Amino acid sequence: MVLTIDSRIFAEAQVQGITLHPVIGAYELRFGLLISVSATPEGEHCRAVIDGARVRMGTGGRDRDDLGFARSDRQLEIMTGPHQHRTAQTLSLTLQPGQLASIEKTRGAGDVQFELEVMGSGTDQRGPSPVQEVLRRDVPRSEWIEKLRAARARDILLLEVPLPLPDRSVGWQNISNELMRAESQFRNGDYHACVSACRVIAEELGCQAFGCTGWAKSSLDRLSSDRGGMSKREREMAMLGVLRHYTHLAHHGQSEGGEVSYSRADAQLILTLAASFVAHSRSN
């Protein structure tokens, strides 16, 4: 994409790379720019100062979500001269966890497209003029997921559950593995598999807390026959039993009364509940 002053091209710019980094209480999205500055005849030099870029994100359609203004680590001043040369710069944008979760909701299981509206001011022999051009960069789904993984970023409601779980017992290792698998499947858009993995989590948690034989059935039977007389622990068991009961549909085909179509919202609900039960069980 070209950069211009008063319709005159003075450089070409591209987004060379995008990285995601954790910072205190937030994340930082960094855009690496590579700028090739054109050679100009003596007496026709151009000077431009780039303030930063308005960043928008989309998934292939025309609508874009505004993420904020990315600023340079240092003032980016571009001067043309008799020889072509290159310069590199990084623009950084701070994202709150909720913004990152919103990006995930928008992209679903697809790719991410970033649009940078570069803003600044320039001067040539004809006088001052604004610099305002648009750069674009597509990030494939697999590459974006790897960036999230490298930044240890997950949906905001799952941040209270450190993965993998530090406990080395076999039971907790199984739960940890299934929770990481469910989270990965959710990221990849395999919502049916995510719900199915959450069933295993519910079963393992119930077995650890209430014993491995019939805990789910007995809790649901009690809920329907004598819910007023249930203790706090029995009600907790019934809550976990309902989670297991819901996810059971993911283990059967439609011919057997199962369910194969789960939305992102369905999977997010179940994954959040499963993660909450894990966090609660480990706190007791």
Protein backbone atom coordinates (compact mmCIF):
# COMPACT_ATOMS: atom_id res chain seq x y z
CA MET A 1 0.00 0.00 0.00
CA VAL A 2 1.36 3.43 -0.93
CA LEU A 3 1.73 6.47 1.33
CA THR A 4 1.05 9.82 -0.28
CA ILE A 5 1.40 13.53 0.40
CA ASP A 6 -1.09 15.55 -1.64
CA SER A 7 -1.62 12.52 -3.95
CA ARG A 8 2.13 12.17 -4.48
CA ILE A 9 3.58 8.76 -3.59
CA PHE A 10 6.57 9.04 -1.28
CA ALA A 11 6.71 5.49 0.20
CA GLU A 12 5.22 2.02 0.18
CA ALA A 13 4.20 0.39 3.46
CA GLN A 14 3.13 -3.07 4.51
CA VAL A 15 2.26 -4.82 7.75
CA GLN A 16 5.14 -7.25 7.99
CA GLY A 17 3.98 -9.06 11.12
CA ILE A 18 1.49 -9.07 14.00
CA THR A 19 2.21 -10.28 17.53
CA LEU A 20 0.19 -10.51 20.75
CA HIS A 21 1.83 -10.04 24.14
CA PRO A 22 0.51 -10.15 27.71
CA VAL A 23 0.98 -7.02 29.82
CA ILE A 24 -0.27 -6.22 33.33
CA GLY A 25 -4.03 -6.71 33.30
CA ALA A 26 -4.30 -6.59 29.52
CA TYR A 27 -2.74 -7.60 26.19
CA GLU A 28 -0.75 -5.65 23.62
CA LEU A 29 -1.29 -6.12 19.90
CA ARG A 30 1.82 -5.08 17.96
CA PHE A 31 1.97 -4.38 14.24
CA GLY A 32 5.38 -4.40 12.59
CA LEU A 33 5.53 -2.01 9.63
CA LEU A 34 8.08 -2.11 6.84
CA ILE A 35 8.27 1.14 4.89
CA SER A 36 10.15 1.51 1.61
CA VAL A 37 10.87 5.21 1.07
CA SER A 38 11.05 6.38 -2.53
CA ALA A 39 14.00 8.27 -4.00
CA THR A 40 13.24 11.87 -5.02
CA PRO A 41 15.16 14.36 -7.17
CA GLU A 42 17.14 17.06 -5.41
CA GLY A 43 14.90 19.90 -4.32
CA GLU A 44 11.77 17.74 -4.20
CA HIS A 45 12.22 16.11 -0.80
CA CYS A 46 9.22 15.03 1.25
CA ARG A 47 8.92 14.79 5.01
CA ALA A 48 6.19 12.91 6.88
CA VAL A 49 5.49 12.25 10.54
CA ILE A 50 3.28 9.22 11.30
CA ASP A 51 1.32 9.52 14.56
CA GLY A 52 -0.10 5.99 14.52
CA ALA A 53 -3.05 4.11 13.08
CA ARG A 54 -6.72 3.56 13.81
CA VAL A 55 -7.13 -0.23 14.03
CA ARG A 56 -10.23 -2.07 12.94
CA MET A 57 -10.92 -5.79 12.84
CA GLY A 58 -13.23 -7.88 10.66
CA THR A 59 -13.74 -11.37 9.28
CA GLY A 60 -14.21 -10.87 5.57
CA GLY A 61 -17.42 -8.86 5.46
CA ARG A 62 -17.68 -5.11 5.06
CA ASP A 63 -18.31 -4.36 8.74
CA ARG A 64 -15.31 -3.64 10.95
CA ASP A 65 -15.05 -3.37 14.74
CA ASP A 66 -12.99 -0.41 15.95
CA LEU A 67 -10.29 -1.57 18.40
CA GLY A 68 -8.62 1.75 19.15
CA PHE A 69 -5.58 3.78 18.13
CA ALA A 70 -2.18 2.08 17.81
CA ARG A 71 0.77 4.33 18.54
CA SER A 72 4.42 4.04 17.57
CA ASP A 73 7.11 3.15 20.09
CA ARG A 74 9.00 6.24 18.94
CA GLN A 75 8.16 9.10 16.62
CA LEU A 76 8.11 7.84 13.06
CA GLU A 77 9.61 10.48 10.79
CA ILE A 78 10.10 9.70 7.11
CA MET A 79 12.41 11.76 4.92
CA THR A 80 12.91 11.17 1.23
CA GLY A 81 16.27 11.73 -0.45
CA PRO A 82 18.23 10.90 -3.56
CA HIS A 83 18.35 7.19 -2.63
CA GLN A 84 15.64 4.67 -1.86
CA HIS A 85 15.81 3.27 1.66
CA ARG A 86 13.79 1.24 4.14
CA THR A 87 12.72 1.82 7.71
CA ALA A 88 10.87 -0.34 10.21
CA GLN A 89 8.46 0.70 12.94
CA THR A 90 6.15 -0.96 15.47
CA LEU A 91 2.67 0.27 16.31
CA SER A 92 1.25 -0.96 19.63
CA LEU A 93 -2.38 -1.21 20.72
CA THR A 94 -3.47 -2.17 24.26
CA LEU A 95 -6.44 -4.54 24.41
CA GLN A 96 -8.47 -5.22 27.53
CA PRO A 97 -9.42 -8.89 28.11
CA GLY A 98 -13.00 -8.07 27.18
CA GLN A 99 -11.86 -6.68 23.83
CA LEU A 100 -9.90 -9.84 23.12
CA ALA A 101 -12.97 -11.91 23.99
CA SER A 102 -15.01 -9.71 21.64
CA ILE A 103 -12.54 -10.39 18.81
CA GLU A 104 -12.99 -14.11 19.42
CA LYS A 105 -16.76 -13.79 19.36
CA THR A 106 -16.65 -11.82 16.10
CA ARG A 107 -14.28 -14.16 14.28
CA GLY A 108 -16.13 -17.32 15.41
CA ALA A 109 -14.00 -20.09 13.91
CA GLY A 110 -12.68 -18.00 11.03
CA ASP A 111 -9.69 -15.89 10.05
CA VAL A 112 -8.98 -12.39 11.36
CA GLN A 113 -8.56 -9.34 9.14
CA PHE A 114 -6.95 -6.19 10.48
CA GLU A 115 -7.25 -2.77 8.89
CA LEU A 116 -4.86 0.03 9.88
CA GLU A 117 -5.80 3.58 8.92
CA VAL A 118 -2.41 5.29 9.11
CA MET A 119 -2.59 8.93 10.22
CA GLY A 120 0.00 11.68 10.20
CA SER A 121 1.11 14.84 8.49
CA GLY A 122 3.53 15.58 5.66
CA THR A 123 5.22 18.40 3.83
CA ASP A 124 6.66 18.76 0.34
CA GLN A 125 7.58 21.72 -1.82
CA ARG A 126 3.89 22.53 -2.24
CA GLY A 127 3.29 22.80 1.50
CA PRO A 128 1.73 20.71 4.30
CA SER A 129 -0.77 17.93 3.70
CA PRO A 130 -2.29 15.15 5.83
CA VAL A 131 -1.13 11.56 5.46
CA GLN A 132 -4.03 9.12 5.72
CA GLU A 133 -3.83 5.71 4.08
CA VAL A 134 -5.22 2.23 4.86
CA LEU A 135 -3.07 -0.91 5.32
CA ARG A 136 -4.56 -4.38 5.59
CA ARG A 137 -3.30 -7.69 6.90
CA ASP A 138 -5.10 -11.06 7.04
CA VAL A 139 -4.23 -13.52 9.81
CA PRO A 140 -5.28 -17.14 9.12
CA ARG A 141 -7.23 -18.90 11.86
CA SER A 142 -4.41 -21.31 12.73
CA GLU A 143 -1.88 -18.48 12.99
CA TRP A 144 -4.19 -16.39 15.21
CA ILE A 145 -4.83 -19.35 17.53
CA GLU A 146 -1.08 -19.82 17.88
CA LYS A 147 -0.72 -16.15 18.83
CA LEU A 148 -3.40 -16.57 21.50
CA ARG A 149 -1.66 -19.67 22.80
CA ALA A 150 1.73 -17.95 22.89
CA ALA A 151 0.23 -15.03 24.84
CA ARG A 152 -1.54 -17.47 27.19
CA ALA A 153 -4.79 -15.74 26.31
CA ARG A 154 -8.16 -17.41 26.74
CA ASP A 155 -11.67 -16.08 27.09
CA ILE A 156 -11.97 -13.78 30.06
CA LEU A 157 -14.25 -16.10 32.04
CA LEU A 158 -11.63 -18.86 31.94
CA LEU A 159 -8.72 -16.80 33.21
CA GLU A 160 -9.25 -17.93 36.82
CA VAL A 161 -8.38 -21.54 35.87
CA PRO A 162 -4.61 -21.93 35.26
CA LEU A 163 -3.89 -24.61 32.68
CA PRO A 164 -2.47 -27.15 32.93
CA LEU A 165 -3.53 -27.76 36.52
CA PRO A 166 -0.50 -28.01 38.83
CA ASP A 167 -1.83 -31.09 40.68
CA ARG A 168 -0.02 -34.26 39.54
CA SER A 169 -2.58 -36.83 40.69
CA VAL A 170 -4.07 -39.00 37.97
CA GLY A 171 -7.60 -37.73 38.53
CA TRP A 172 -6.69 -34.07 38.24
CA GLN A 173 -4.40 -34.75 35.27
CA ASN A 174 -7.35 -36.30 33.42
CA ILE A 175 -9.52 -33.29 34.22
CA SER A 176 -6.75 -30.87 33.22
CA ASN A 177 -6.22 -32.66 29.89
CA GLU A 178 -9.93 -32.64 29.08
CA LEU A 179 -10.33 -28.97 30.01
CA MET A 180 -7.39 -28.01 27.78
CA ARG A 181 -8.85 -30.17 25.00
CA ALA A 182 -12.26 -28.54 25.38
CA GLU A 183 -10.72 -25.06 25.31
CA SER A 184 -8.72 -25.91 22.17
CA GLN A 185 -11.78 -27.33 20.43
CA PHE A 186 -13.73 -24.21 21.33
CA ARG A 187 -10.98 -22.06 19.76
CA ASN A 188 -11.00 -24.20 16.61
CA GLY A 189 -14.77 -23.94 16.24
CA ASP A 190 -15.48 -27.63 16.95
CA TYR A 191 -18.31 -26.89 19.35
CA HIS A 192 -19.73 -30.41 19.38
CA ALA A 193 -16.38 -31.87 20.48
CA CYS A 194 -16.03 -29.10 23.09
CA VAL A 195 -19.36 -30.03 24.69
CA SER A 196 -18.43 -33.72 24.54
CA ALA A 197 -15.14 -33.08 26.35
CA CYS A 198 -17.02 -31.15 29.05
CA ARG A 199 -19.07 -34.28 29.74
CA VAL A 200 -15.87 -36.12 30.63
CA ILE A 201 -14.93 -33.24 32.95
CA ALA A 202 -18.30 -33.44 34.70
CA GLU A 203 -18.01 -37.21 35.10
CA GLU A 204 -14.48 -37.02 36.50
CA LEU A 205 -15.37 -34.24 38.93
CA GLY A 206 -18.47 -36.10 40.11
CA CYS A 207 -16.52 -39.30 40.59
CA GLN A 208 -13.89 -37.51 42.68
CA ALA A 209 -16.38 -35.60 44.81
CA PHE A 210 -19.33 -37.98 45.21
CA GLY A 211 -18.13 -41.47 44.31
CA CYS A 212 -18.11 -43.23 40.97
CA THR A 213 -21.39 -45.15 41.17
CA GLY A 214 -24.67 -43.48 40.25
CA TRP A 215 -23.98 -40.05 41.69
CA ALA A 216 -25.58 -38.18 38.79
CA LYS A 217 -28.79 -40.24 38.68
CA SER A 218 -29.32 -40.12 42.42
CA SER A 219 -28.86 -36.36 42.51
CA LEU A 220 -31.38 -35.76 39.74
CA ASP A 221 -33.86 -38.23 41.29
CA ARG A 222 -33.61 -36.38 44.59
CA LEU A 223 -34.07 -33.05 42.78
CA SER A 224 -37.37 -34.22 41.33
CA SER A 225 -38.70 -35.96 44.46
CA ASP A 226 -37.46 -33.98 47.49
CA ARG A 227 -35.70 -30.83 46.37
CA GLY A 228 -36.82 -28.91 49.48
CA GLY A 229 -34.95 -31.28 51.76
CA MET A 230 -31.65 -31.26 49.87
CA SER A 231 -28.50 -30.03 51.60
CA LYS A 232 -26.06 -27.56 50.06
CA ARG A 233 -23.75 -30.41 49.04
CA GLU A 234 -26.62 -32.35 47.50
CA ARG A 235 -27.67 -29.32 45.50
CA GLU A 236 -24.11 -28.87 44.29
CA MET A 237 -24.13 -32.50 43.17
CA ALA A 238 -27.42 -31.89 41.33
CA MET A 239 -25.95 -28.85 39.53
CA LEU A 240 -23.04 -30.96 38.30
CA GLY A 241 -25.49 -33.74 37.44
CA VAL A 242 -27.50 -31.33 35.25
CA LEU A 243 -24.29 -30.32 33.43
CA ARG A 244 -23.51 -33.98 32.79
CA HIS A 245 -27.14 -34.57 31.72
CA TYR A 246 -26.98 -31.74 29.19
CA THR A 247 -23.67 -32.83 27.68
CA HIS A 248 -24.89 -36.43 27.37
CA LEU A 249 -26.61 -35.42 24.12
CA ALA A 250 -23.21 -34.90 22.51
CA HIS A 251 -22.43 -38.62 22.93
CA HIS A 252 -25.25 -39.86 20.72
CA GLY A 253 -26.24 -39.48 17.10
CA GLN A 254 -29.54 -37.94 16.09
CA SER A 255 -31.05 -41.39 15.47
CA GLU A 256 -30.56 -42.12 19.18
CA GLY A 257 -31.94 -38.80 20.36
CA GLY A 258 -28.57 -37.06 20.49
CA GLU A 259 -27.53 -33.62 19.34
CA VAL A 260 -24.85 -32.83 16.77
CA SER A 261 -25.45 -29.11 16.22
CA TYR A 262 -24.05 -26.81 18.88
CA SER A 263 -23.52 -23.07 18.49
CA ARG A 264 -20.61 -21.08 19.81
CA ALA A 265 -22.91 -19.71 22.55
CA ASP A 266 -23.87 -23.29 23.55
CA ALA A 267 -20.25 -24.38 23.80
CA GLN A 268 -19.21 -21.21 25.64
CA LEU A 269 -21.94 -21.74 28.23
CA ILE A 270 -20.93 -25.35 28.87
CA LEU A 271 -17.19 -24.67 28.83
CA THR A 272 -17.61 -21.78 31.28
CA LEU A 273 -19.70 -23.96 33.62
CA ALA A 274 -17.19 -26.81 33.44
CA ALA A 275 -14.28 -24.47 34.15
CA SER A 276 -16.20 -22.92 37.06
CA PHE A 277 -16.82 -26.35 38.59
CA VAL A 278 -13.12 -27.16 38.25
CA ALA A 279 -12.13 -23.89 39.96
CA HIS A 280 -14.70 -24.44 42.74
CA SER A 281 -13.66 -28.05 43.35
CA ARG A 282 -10.00 -27.09 43.62
CA SER A 283 -10.77 -24.31 46.09
CA ASN A 284 -12.42 -26.70 48.58
